[in-house]
Amino acid sequence: MWIKTFLCLVVRMMMMMIVSAAEDVKNNLTGLIGGNVTFPDSVKEFGFFLKGRQNIGLVTKGKFEIAEDIYEKNLFWDRNSGLFTLTDLQKNNSGIYTIDSKKGDVLTLSYALTVYDWAPTPQVNSQNWSSDSCKLLCSVDKQVTLVWYRDQEILNQSSSELSLPVTVHKHNRHSDYKCVAANPADRKTLQVNLEESCGFIQSQNGNNPTRNYGIGIGVTAGFIVLILFCACLIKQKYVKKEKKTRQRQGRSRRGSPIYVNTNPK
């Protein structure tokens, strides 16, 4: 009995020594909810895999044993590579993990794993625009880092706001504008169509749809006025012709002789 107790104490002391030695060497790892992460250092013959100060996996004589039941379905060890993998990541999987190889490639390293939500897809709306510029607003529903790019240049960014504005000027209408929503593990990018969002036509003449629309209305209105003018001329000509015809008919009636019957009864 005392031997078992002694061995438990030895193992516990080893765990404390492992954690103490590894706390000075931390490498950052990131993961996404529902995703997987593989730790880059291996235990091939004999060693431990810990979370914090708790041993959750043991490799001995080429066999893997899970020490905590909660990891039965998502902690795996590859016999060939000696690497540990966590699957179906959740937020509570974030923490400090330590790999301690006691045989073969002897090492003790720790990793700070942070599990993130998937980055939301940004939405871009036009706030107001004129013939020379427009204001765009990029929005998300979760707090991430928002960045506005023009080509490869950063125009505006924020890690604390859910929306981020940018002003687009007409002379930049040929540039590529995009809004990026990102966290350390994921990023989503939305490319902006300036023709749709700002009314800028991507052409060399630089015309604005509003101007073209106005020109179209003007041409149509002018055409209608011309038709009405022609109709008025035709009507006026017809009225004059009809008036002359009536005048001729009137003179014809006045100039006709009147015959009177003078024969006696």
C-alpha atoms as a PDB file:
ATOM      1  CA  MET A   1       0.000   0.000   0.000  1.00  0.00           C
ATOM      2  CA  TRP A   2       2.757   2.383   0.944  1.00  0.00           C
ATOM      3  CA  ILE A   3       4.491   1.621  -2.368  1.00  0.00           C
ATOM      4  CA  LYS A   4       1.419   2.728  -4.321  1.00  0.00           C
ATOM      5  CA  THR A   5       1.173   5.892  -2.251  1.00  0.00           C
ATOM      6  CA  PHE A   6       4.856   6.574  -2.807  1.00  0.00           C
ATOM      7  CA  LEU A   7       4.496   6.126  -6.561  1.00  0.00           C
ATOM      8  CA  CYS A   8       1.523   8.504  -6.638  1.00  0.00           C
ATOM      9  CA  LEU A   9       3.561  11.118  -4.802  1.00  0.00           C
ATOM     10  CA  VAL A  10       6.449  10.659  -7.210  1.00  0.00           C
ATOM     11  CA  VAL A  11       4.165  11.061 -10.232  1.00  0.00           C
ATOM     12  CA  ARG A  12       2.577  14.154  -8.694  1.00  0.00           C
ATOM     13  CA  MET A  13       5.978  15.685  -8.029  1.00  0.00           C
ATOM     14  CA  MET A  14       6.987  14.923 -11.596  1.00  0.00           C
ATOM     15  CA  MET A  15       3.873  16.677 -12.867  1.00  0.00           C
ATOM     16  CA  MET A  16       4.671  19.751 -10.775  1.00  0.00           C
ATOM     17  CA  MET A  17       8.254  19.739 -12.036  1.00  0.00           C
ATOM     18  CA  ILE A  18       7.023  19.410 -15.621  1.00  0.00           C
ATOM     19  CA  VAL A  19       4.647  22.348 -15.291  1.00  0.00           C
ATOM     20  CA  SER A  20       7.247  24.496 -13.528  1.00  0.00           C
ATOM     21  CA  ALA A  21       9.814  23.791 -16.216  1.00  0.00           C
ATOM     22  CA  ALA A  22       7.373  24.413 -19.056  1.00  0.00           C
ATOM     23  CA  GLU A  23       5.792  27.611 -17.745  1.00  0.00           C
ATOM     24  CA  ASP A  24       8.792  29.603 -18.961  1.00  0.00           C
ATOM     25  CA  VAL A  25       8.436  28.369 -22.565  1.00  0.00           C
ATOM     26  CA  LYS A  26       5.012  29.093 -24.018  1.00  0.00           C
ATOM     27  CA  ASN A  27       3.998  28.894 -27.651  1.00  0.00           C
ATOM     28  CA  ASN A  28       0.668  30.310 -28.780  1.00  0.00           C
ATOM     29  CA  LEU A  29      -1.781  28.100 -30.652  1.00  0.00           C
ATOM     30  CA  THR A  30      -5.203  29.082 -31.959  1.00  0.00           C
ATOM     31  CA  GLY A  31      -8.253  27.020 -32.842  1.00  0.00           C
ATOM     32  CA  LEU A  32     -11.836  27.470 -33.978  1.00  0.00           C
ATOM     33  CA  ILE A  33     -14.990  26.146 -32.348  1.00  0.00           C
ATOM     34  CA  GLY A  34     -15.701  22.739 -33.838  1.00  0.00           C
ATOM     35  CA  GLY A  35     -12.236  22.547 -35.379  1.00  0.00           C
ATOM     36  CA  ASN A  36      -9.076  20.592 -34.575  1.00  0.00           C
ATOM     37  CA  VAL A  37      -5.605  21.459 -33.345  1.00  0.00           C
ATOM     38  CA  THR A  38      -2.483  19.295 -33.442  1.00  0.00           C
ATOM     39  CA  PHE A  39       0.341  20.069 -31.054  1.00  0.00           C
ATOM     40  CA  PRO A  40       3.633  20.259 -32.961  1.00  0.00           C
ATOM     41  CA  ASP A  41       5.900  18.306 -30.569  1.00  0.00           C
ATOM     42  CA  SER A  42       5.730  14.573 -30.073  1.00  0.00           C
ATOM     43  CA  VAL A  43       5.934  11.847 -27.452  1.00  0.00           C
ATOM     44  CA  LYS A  44       6.832   8.559 -29.127  1.00  0.00           C
ATOM     45  CA  GLU A  45       7.919   6.255 -26.332  1.00  0.00           C
ATOM     46  CA  PHE A  46       7.199   7.551 -22.852  1.00  0.00           C
ATOM     47  CA  GLY A  47       5.769  10.866 -21.702  1.00  0.00           C
ATOM     48  CA  PHE A  48       2.836  12.946 -20.553  1.00  0.00           C
ATOM     49  CA  PHE A  49       0.247  15.343 -21.979  1.00  0.00           C
ATOM     50  CA  LEU A  50      -1.138  17.835 -19.459  1.00  0.00           C
ATOM     51  CA  LYS A  51      -3.653  20.646 -19.291  1.00  0.00           C
ATOM     52  CA  GLY A  52      -2.591  23.041 -16.586  1.00  0.00           C
ATOM     53  CA  ARG A  53      -1.346  20.815 -13.758  1.00  0.00           C
ATOM     54  CA  GLN A  54      -3.650  17.938 -14.672  1.00  0.00           C
ATOM     55  CA  ASN A  55      -2.348  14.925 -16.567  1.00  0.00           C
ATOM     56  CA  ILE A  56      -4.881  14.073 -19.270  1.00  0.00           C
ATOM     57  CA  GLY A  57      -2.850  11.637 -21.372  1.00  0.00           C
ATOM     58  CA  LEU A  58      -0.006   9.166 -20.890  1.00  0.00           C
ATOM     59  CA  VAL A  59       2.168   7.409 -23.451  1.00  0.00           C
ATOM     60  CA  THR A  60       4.092   4.378 -22.246  1.00  0.00           C
ATOM     61  CA  LYS A  61       5.708   1.600 -24.288  1.00  0.00           C
ATOM     62  CA  GLY A  62       4.112   2.937 -27.460  1.00  0.00           C
ATOM     63  CA  LYS A  63       0.578   2.834 -26.050  1.00  0.00           C
ATOM     64  CA  PHE A  64      -1.700   5.759 -25.280  1.00  0.00           C
ATOM     65  CA  GLU A  65      -3.917   6.029 -22.236  1.00  0.00           C
ATOM     66  CA  ILE A  66      -6.372   8.849 -21.560  1.00  0.00           C
ATOM     67  CA  ALA A  67      -6.378   9.822 -17.901  1.00  0.00           C
ATOM     68  CA  GLU A  68      -9.570  11.938 -17.944  1.00  0.00           C
ATOM     69  CA  ASP A  69     -12.877  10.589 -19.234  1.00  0.00           C
ATOM     70  CA  ILE A  70     -13.981  13.962 -20.635  1.00  0.00           C
ATOM     71  CA  TYR A  71     -11.237  13.663 -23.270  1.00  0.00           C
ATOM     72  CA  GLU A  72     -12.210  10.169 -24.425  1.00  0.00           C
ATOM     73  CA  LYS A  73     -13.864  11.416 -27.624  1.00  0.00           C
ATOM     74  CA  ASN A  74     -11.675  14.334 -28.625  1.00  0.00           C
ATOM     75  CA  LEU A  75      -8.071  13.611 -27.575  1.00  0.00           C
ATOM     76  CA  PHE A  76      -6.016  11.447 -29.929  1.00  0.00           C
ATOM     77  CA  TRP A  77      -2.407  10.329 -30.190  1.00  0.00           C
ATOM     78  CA  ASP A  78      -0.802   9.256 -33.462  1.00  0.00           C
ATOM     79  CA  ARG A  79       1.419   6.221 -32.978  1.00  0.00           C
ATOM     80  CA  ASN A  80       3.553   7.002 -36.046  1.00  0.00           C
ATOM     81  CA  SER A  81       4.168  10.706 -35.507  1.00  0.00           C
ATOM     82  CA  GLY A  82       3.757  10.810 -31.727  1.00  0.00           C
ATOM     83  CA  LEU A  83       1.622  13.962 -32.012  1.00  0.00           C
ATOM     84  CA  PHE A  84      -1.407  14.813 -29.867  1.00  0.00           C
ATOM     85  CA  THR A  85      -4.598  16.191 -31.457  1.00  0.00           C
ATOM     86  CA  LEU A  86      -7.668  17.773 -29.877  1.00  0.00           C
ATOM     87  CA  THR A  87     -10.826  17.612 -32.001  1.00  0.00           C
ATOM     88  CA  ASP A  88     -14.256  19.291 -31.838  1.00  0.00           C
ATOM     89  CA  LEU A  89     -12.774  22.250 -29.995  1.00  0.00           C
ATOM     90  CA  GLN A  90     -14.898  24.285 -27.590  1.00  0.00           C
ATOM     91  CA  LYS A  91     -14.189  27.464 -25.645  1.00  0.00           C
ATOM     92  CA  ASN A  92     -13.423  25.470 -22.488  1.00  0.00           C
ATOM     93  CA  ASN A  93     -10.540  23.774 -24.324  1.00  0.00           C
ATOM     94  CA  SER A  94      -8.596  27.028 -24.087  1.00  0.00           C
ATOM     95  CA  GLY A  95      -5.712  26.811 -21.636  1.00  0.00           C
ATOM     96  CA  ILE A  96      -2.080  25.849 -21.087  1.00  0.00           C
ATOM     97  CA  TYR A  97      -1.055  22.426 -22.406  1.00  0.00           C
ATOM     98  CA  THR A  98       2.276  20.766 -21.682  1.00  0.00           C
ATOM     99  CA  ILE A  99       4.030  18.018 -23.609  1.00  0.00           C
ATOM    100  CA  ASP A 100       6.709  16.149 -21.663  1.00  0.00           C
ATOM    101  CA  SER A 101       8.688  13.467 -23.460  1.00  0.00           C
ATOM    102  CA  LYS A 102      10.820  11.412 -21.087  1.00  0.00           C
ATOM    103  CA  LYS A 103      12.395   9.061 -23.606  1.00  0.00           C
ATOM    104  CA  GLY A 104      13.655   9.348 -27.148  1.00  0.00           C
ATOM    105  CA  ASP A 105      13.360  13.025 -28.036  1.00  0.00           C
ATOM    106  CA  VAL A 106      13.422  14.345 -24.476  1.00  0.00           C
ATOM    107  CA  LEU A 107      11.647  17.693 -24.174  1.00  0.00           C
ATOM    108  CA  THR A 108       9.250  19.691 -22.035  1.00  0.00           C
ATOM    109  CA  LEU A 109       7.243  22.388 -23.801  1.00  0.00           C
ATOM    110  CA  SER A 110       4.027  24.223 -23.063  1.00  0.00           C
ATOM    111  CA  TYR A 111       1.455  25.780 -25.381  1.00  0.00           C
ATOM    112  CA  ALA A 112      -1.152  28.448 -24.744  1.00  0.00           C
ATOM    113  CA  LEU A 113      -4.216  27.356 -26.724  1.00  0.00           C
ATOM    114  CA  THR A 114      -7.012  29.860 -27.376  1.00  0.00           C
ATOM    115  CA  VAL A 115     -10.241  28.727 -29.039  1.00  0.00           C
ATOM    116  CA  TYR A 116     -12.124  31.403 -30.994  1.00  0.00           C
ATOM    117  CA  ASP A 117     -15.503  31.762 -32.651  1.00  0.00           C
ATOM    118  CA  TRP A 118     -15.549  31.785 -36.435  1.00  0.00           C
ATOM    119  CA  ALA A 119     -15.190  35.334 -37.717  1.00  0.00           C
ATOM    120  CA  PRO A 120     -18.517  36.802 -38.904  1.00  0.00           C
ATOM    121  CA  THR A 121     -18.993  37.816 -42.530  1.00  0.00           C
ATOM    122  CA  PRO A 122     -18.980  41.633 -42.731  1.00  0.00           C
ATOM    123  CA  GLN A 123     -21.815  43.611 -44.306  1.00  0.00           C
ATOM    124  CA  VAL A 124     -21.273  46.909 -46.136  1.00  0.00           C
ATOM    125  CA  ASN A 125     -23.921  49.608 -46.532  1.00  0.00           C
ATOM    126  CA  SER A 126     -23.798  53.004 -48.215  1.00  0.00           C
ATOM    127  CA  GLN A 127     -24.547  55.807 -45.743  1.00  0.00           C
ATOM    128  CA  ASN A 128     -24.599  58.770 -48.115  1.00  0.00           C
ATOM    129  CA  TRP A 129     -23.058  59.624 -51.453  1.00  0.00           C
ATOM    130  CA  SER A 130     -22.687  62.402 -53.964  1.00  0.00           C
ATOM    131  CA  SER A 131     -21.160  62.739 -57.413  1.00  0.00           C
ATOM    132  CA  ASP A 132     -17.676  63.044 -55.883  1.00  0.00           C
ATOM    133  CA  SER A 133     -17.626  60.739 -52.838  1.00  0.00           C
ATOM    134  CA  CYS A 134     -19.563  58.305 -50.706  1.00  0.00           C
ATOM    135  CA  LYS A 135     -19.402  56.967 -47.158  1.00  0.00           C
ATOM    136  CA  LEU A 136     -19.461  53.202 -46.588  1.00  0.00           C
ATOM    137  CA  LEU A 137     -20.095  51.448 -43.277  1.00  0.00           C
ATOM    138  CA  CYS A 138     -18.775  47.935 -42.604  1.00  0.00           C
ATOM    139  CA  SER A 139     -20.660  46.092 -39.821  1.00  0.00           C
ATOM    140  CA  VAL A 140     -20.488  42.767 -37.945  1.00  0.00           C
ATOM    141  CA  ASP A 141     -22.526  41.197 -35.133  1.00  0.00           C
ATOM    142  CA  LYS A 142     -19.556  39.953 -33.059  1.00  0.00           C
ATOM    143  CA  GLN A 143     -16.578  41.845 -31.752  1.00  0.00           C
ATOM    144  CA  VAL A 144     -13.571  41.206 -33.980  1.00  0.00           C
ATOM    145  CA  THR A 145     -10.935  43.339 -35.645  1.00  0.00           C
ATOM    146  CA  LEU A 146     -12.399  45.319 -38.553  1.00  0.00           C
ATOM    147  CA  VAL A 147     -10.082  46.660 -41.254  1.00  0.00           C
ATOM    148  CA  TRP A 148     -10.779  48.728 -44.379  1.00  0.00           C
ATOM    149  CA  TYR A 149      -8.314  48.248 -47.258  1.00  0.00           C
ATOM    150  CA  ARG A 150      -7.823  50.220 -50.458  1.00  0.00           C
ATOM    151  CA  ASP A 151      -5.774  47.857 -52.585  1.00  0.00           C
ATOM    152  CA  GLN A 152      -3.098  46.818 -50.030  1.00  0.00           C
ATOM    153  CA  GLU A 153      -3.251  49.995 -47.948  1.00  0.00           C
ATOM    154  CA  ILE A 154      -5.005  50.046 -44.563  1.00  0.00           C
ATOM    155  CA  LEU A 155      -7.411  52.995 -44.425  1.00  0.00           C
ATOM    156  CA  ASN A 156      -9.137  52.388 -41.097  1.00  0.00           C
ATOM    157  CA  GLN A 157      -9.253  49.689 -38.415  1.00  0.00           C
ATOM    158  CA  SER A 158     -10.776  48.972 -35.024  1.00  0.00           C
ATOM    159  CA  SER A 159     -10.749  46.118 -32.517  1.00  0.00           C
ATOM    160  CA  SER A 160     -13.485  47.491 -30.274  1.00  0.00           C
ATOM    161  CA  GLU A 161     -16.319  48.607 -32.567  1.00  0.00           C
ATOM    162  CA  LEU A 162     -18.998  46.598 -34.368  1.00  0.00           C
ATOM    163  CA  SER A 163     -18.963  48.982 -37.348  1.00  0.00           C
ATOM    164  CA  LEU A 164     -16.275  50.919 -39.176  1.00  0.00           C
ATOM    165  CA  PRO A 165     -16.726  53.746 -41.729  1.00  0.00           C
ATOM    166  CA  VAL A 166     -14.645  54.770 -44.716  1.00  0.00           C
ATOM    167  CA  THR A 167     -15.007  57.554 -47.283  1.00  0.00           C
ATOM    168  CA  VAL A 168     -14.472  56.702 -50.939  1.00  0.00           C
ATOM    169  CA  HIS A 169     -13.578  59.531 -53.311  1.00  0.00           C
ATOM    170  CA  LYS A 170     -14.423  59.439 -56.979  1.00  0.00           C
ATOM    171  CA  HIS A 171     -10.786  59.698 -58.099  1.00  0.00           C
ATOM    172  CA  ASN A 172     -10.182  56.361 -56.302  1.00  0.00           C
ATOM    173  CA  ARG A 173     -13.029  54.597 -58.105  1.00  0.00           C
ATOM    174  CA  HIS A 174     -10.609  52.256 -59.924  1.00  0.00           C
ATOM    175  CA  SER A 175      -9.076  50.990 -56.650  1.00  0.00           C
ATOM    176  CA  ASP A 176     -10.112  47.779 -54.878  1.00  0.00           C
ATOM    177  CA  TYR A 177     -11.920  48.357 -51.577  1.00  0.00           C
ATOM    178  CA  LYS A 178     -12.529  45.539 -49.127  1.00  0.00           C
ATOM    179  CA  CYS A 179     -13.594  45.133 -45.516  1.00  0.00           C
ATOM    180  CA  VAL A 180     -11.979  42.384 -43.436  1.00  0.00           C
ATOM    181  CA  ALA A 181     -13.351  40.936 -40.177  1.00  0.00           C
ATOM    182  CA  ALA A 182     -10.699  38.904 -38.381  1.00  0.00           C
ATOM    183  CA  ASN A 183      -9.606  37.298 -35.149  1.00  0.00           C
ATOM    184  CA  PRO A 184      -6.327  35.422 -34.557  1.00  0.00           C
ATOM    185  CA  ALA A 185      -7.821  32.174 -35.902  1.00  0.00           C
ATOM    186  CA  ASP A 186     -10.098  33.228 -38.767  1.00  0.00           C
ATOM    187  CA  ARG A 187     -10.896  36.050 -41.166  1.00  0.00           C
ATOM    188  CA  LYS A 188     -13.689  36.929 -43.584  1.00  0.00           C
ATOM    189  CA  THR A 189     -13.290  39.378 -46.475  1.00  0.00           C
ATOM    190  CA  LEU A 190     -15.958  41.310 -48.373  1.00  0.00           C
ATOM    191  CA  GLN A 191     -14.958  42.910 -51.674  1.00  0.00           C
ATOM    192  CA  VAL A 192     -16.936  46.099 -52.342  1.00  0.00           C
ATOM    193  CA  ASN A 193     -18.500  46.829 -55.730  1.00  0.00           C
ATOM    194  CA  LEU A 194     -18.161  50.614 -55.934  1.00  0.00           C
ATOM    195  CA  GLU A 195     -20.572  50.835 -58.863  1.00  0.00           C
ATOM    196  CA  GLU A 196     -23.347  49.328 -56.752  1.00  0.00           C
ATOM    197  CA  SER A 197     -22.409  50.858 -53.395  1.00  0.00           C
ATOM    198  CA  CYS A 198     -21.378  54.353 -54.498  1.00  0.00           C
ATOM    199  CA  GLY A 199     -22.803  54.779 -58.002  1.00  0.00           C
ATOM    200  CA  PHE A 200     -19.339  55.042 -59.531  1.00  0.00           C
ATOM    201  CA  ILE A 201     -19.040  53.530 -63.025  1.00  0.00           C
ATOM    202  CA  GLN A 202     -15.708  51.755 -63.530  1.00  0.00           C
ATOM    203  CA  SER A 203     -14.888  53.267 -66.905  1.00  0.00           C
ATOM    204  CA  GLN A 204     -12.318  55.565 -68.376  1.00  0.00           C
ATOM    205  CA  ASN A 205     -14.720  58.412 -69.036  1.00  0.00           C
ATOM    206  CA  GLY A 206     -15.552  58.586 -65.327  1.00  0.00           C
ATOM    207  CA  ASN A 207     -19.244  59.307 -65.877  1.00  0.00           C
ATOM    208  CA  ASN A 208     -21.618  59.064 -62.954  1.00  0.00           C
ATOM    209  CA  PRO A 209     -24.885  57.101 -63.276  1.00  0.00           C
ATOM    210  CA  THR A 210     -26.802  60.053 -61.832  1.00  0.00           C
ATOM    211  CA  ARG A 211     -25.493  62.302 -64.579  1.00  0.00           C
ATOM    212  CA  ASN A 212     -26.289  59.730 -67.269  1.00  0.00           C
ATOM    213  CA  TYR A 213     -29.761  59.310 -65.823  1.00  0.00           C
ATOM    214  CA  GLY A 214     -30.306  63.084 -65.986  1.00  0.00           C
ATOM    215  CA  ILE A 215     -29.080  63.212 -69.570  1.00  0.00           C
ATOM    216  CA  GLY A 216     -31.464  60.412 -70.490  1.00  0.00           C
ATOM    217  CA  ILE A 217     -34.396  62.241 -68.933  1.00  0.00           C
ATOM    218  CA  GLY A 218     -33.409  65.457 -70.742  1.00  0.00           C
ATOM    219  CA  VAL A 219     -33.200  63.729 -74.116  1.00  0.00           C
ATOM    220  CA  THR A 220     -36.563  62.051 -73.592  1.00  0.00           C
ATOM    221  CA  ALA A 221     -38.195  65.309 -72.531  1.00  0.00           C
ATOM    222  CA  GLY A 222     -36.724  67.108 -75.556  1.00  0.00           C
ATOM    223  CA  PHE A 223     -38.038  64.417 -77.870  1.00  0.00           C
ATOM    224  CA  ILE A 224     -41.527  64.724 -76.366  1.00  0.00           C
ATOM    225  CA  VAL A 225     -41.433  68.526 -76.747  1.00  0.00           C
ATOM    226  CA  LEU A 226     -40.381  68.140 -80.391  1.00  0.00           C
ATOM    227  CA  ILE A 227     -43.273  65.770 -81.063  1.00  0.00           C
ATOM    228  CA  LEU A 228     -45.730  68.166 -79.433  1.00  0.00           C
ATOM    229  CA  PHE A 229     -44.302  71.082 -81.424  1.00  0.00           C
ATOM    230  CA  CYS A 230     -44.655  69.164 -84.679  1.00  0.00           C
ATOM    231  CA  ALA A 231     -48.200  68.187 -83.743  1.00  0.00           C
ATOM    232  CA  CYS A 232     -49.037  71.823 -83.064  1.00  0.00           C
ATOM    233  CA  LEU A 233     -47.626  72.878 -86.453  1.00  0.00           C
ATOM    234  CA  ILE A 234     -49.593  70.184 -88.228  1.00  0.00           C
ATOM    235  CA  LYS A 235     -52.759  71.149 -86.385  1.00  0.00           C
ATOM    236  CA  GLN A 236     -52.208  74.818 -87.080  1.00  0.00           C
ATOM    237  CA  LYS A 237     -51.656  74.114 -90.769  1.00  0.00           C
ATOM    238  CA  TYR A 238     -54.780  71.975 -90.862  1.00  0.00           C
ATOM    239  CA  VAL A 239     -56.848  74.680 -89.157  1.00  0.00           C
ATOM    240  CA  LYS A 240     -55.623  77.325 -91.607  1.00  0.00           C
ATOM    241  CA  LYS A 241     -56.393  75.063 -94.549  1.00  0.00           C
ATOM    242  CA  GLU A 242     -59.867  74.329 -93.232  1.00  0.00           C
ATOM    243  CA  LYS A 243     -60.489  78.040 -92.668  1.00  0.00           C
ATOM    244  CA  LYS A 244     -59.485  78.884 -96.240  1.00  0.00           C
ATOM    245  CA  THR A 245     -61.742  76.146 -97.561  1.00  0.00           C
ATOM    246  CA  ARG A 246     -64.714  77.563 -95.646  1.00  0.00           C
ATOM    247  CA  GLN A 247     -63.950  81.066 -96.898  1.00  0.00           C
ATOM    248  CA  ARG A 248     -63.952  79.873-100.539  1.00  0.00           C
ATOM    249  CA  GLN A 249     -67.222  78.057-100.008  1.00  0.00           C
ATOM    250  CA  GLY A 250     -68.738  81.211 -98.509  1.00  0.00           C
ATOM    251  CA  ARG A 251     -67.670  83.418-101.448  1.00  0.00           C
ATOM    252  CA  SER A 252     -68.950  80.829-103.861  1.00  0.00           C
ATOM    253  CA  ARG A 253     -72.379  80.942-102.290  1.00  0.00           C
ATOM    254  CA  ARG A 254     -72.514  84.777-102.347  1.00  0.00           C
ATOM    255  CA  GLY A 255     -71.529  85.008-106.039  1.00  0.00           C
ATOM    256  CA  SER A 256     -74.105  82.517-107.399  1.00  0.00           C
ATOM    257  CA  PRO A 257     -77.063  84.036-109.467  1.00  0.00           C
ATOM    258  CA  ILE A 258     -80.606  83.851-108.176  1.00  0.00           C
ATOM    259  CA  TYR A 259     -83.255  82.981-110.749  1.00  0.00           C
ATOM    260  CA  VAL A 260     -86.849  84.317-110.350  1.00  0.00           C
ATOM    261  CA  ASN A 261     -89.805  82.860-112.196  1.00  0.00           C
ATOM    262  CA  THR A 262     -91.549  85.778-114.071  1.00  0.00           C
ATOM    263  CA  ASN A 263     -94.042  83.823-116.208  1.00  0.00           C
ATOM    264  CA  PRO A 264     -97.641  84.825-115.570  1.00  0.00           C
ATOM    265  CA  LYS A 265     -99.973  82.379-114.223  1.00  0.00           C
END
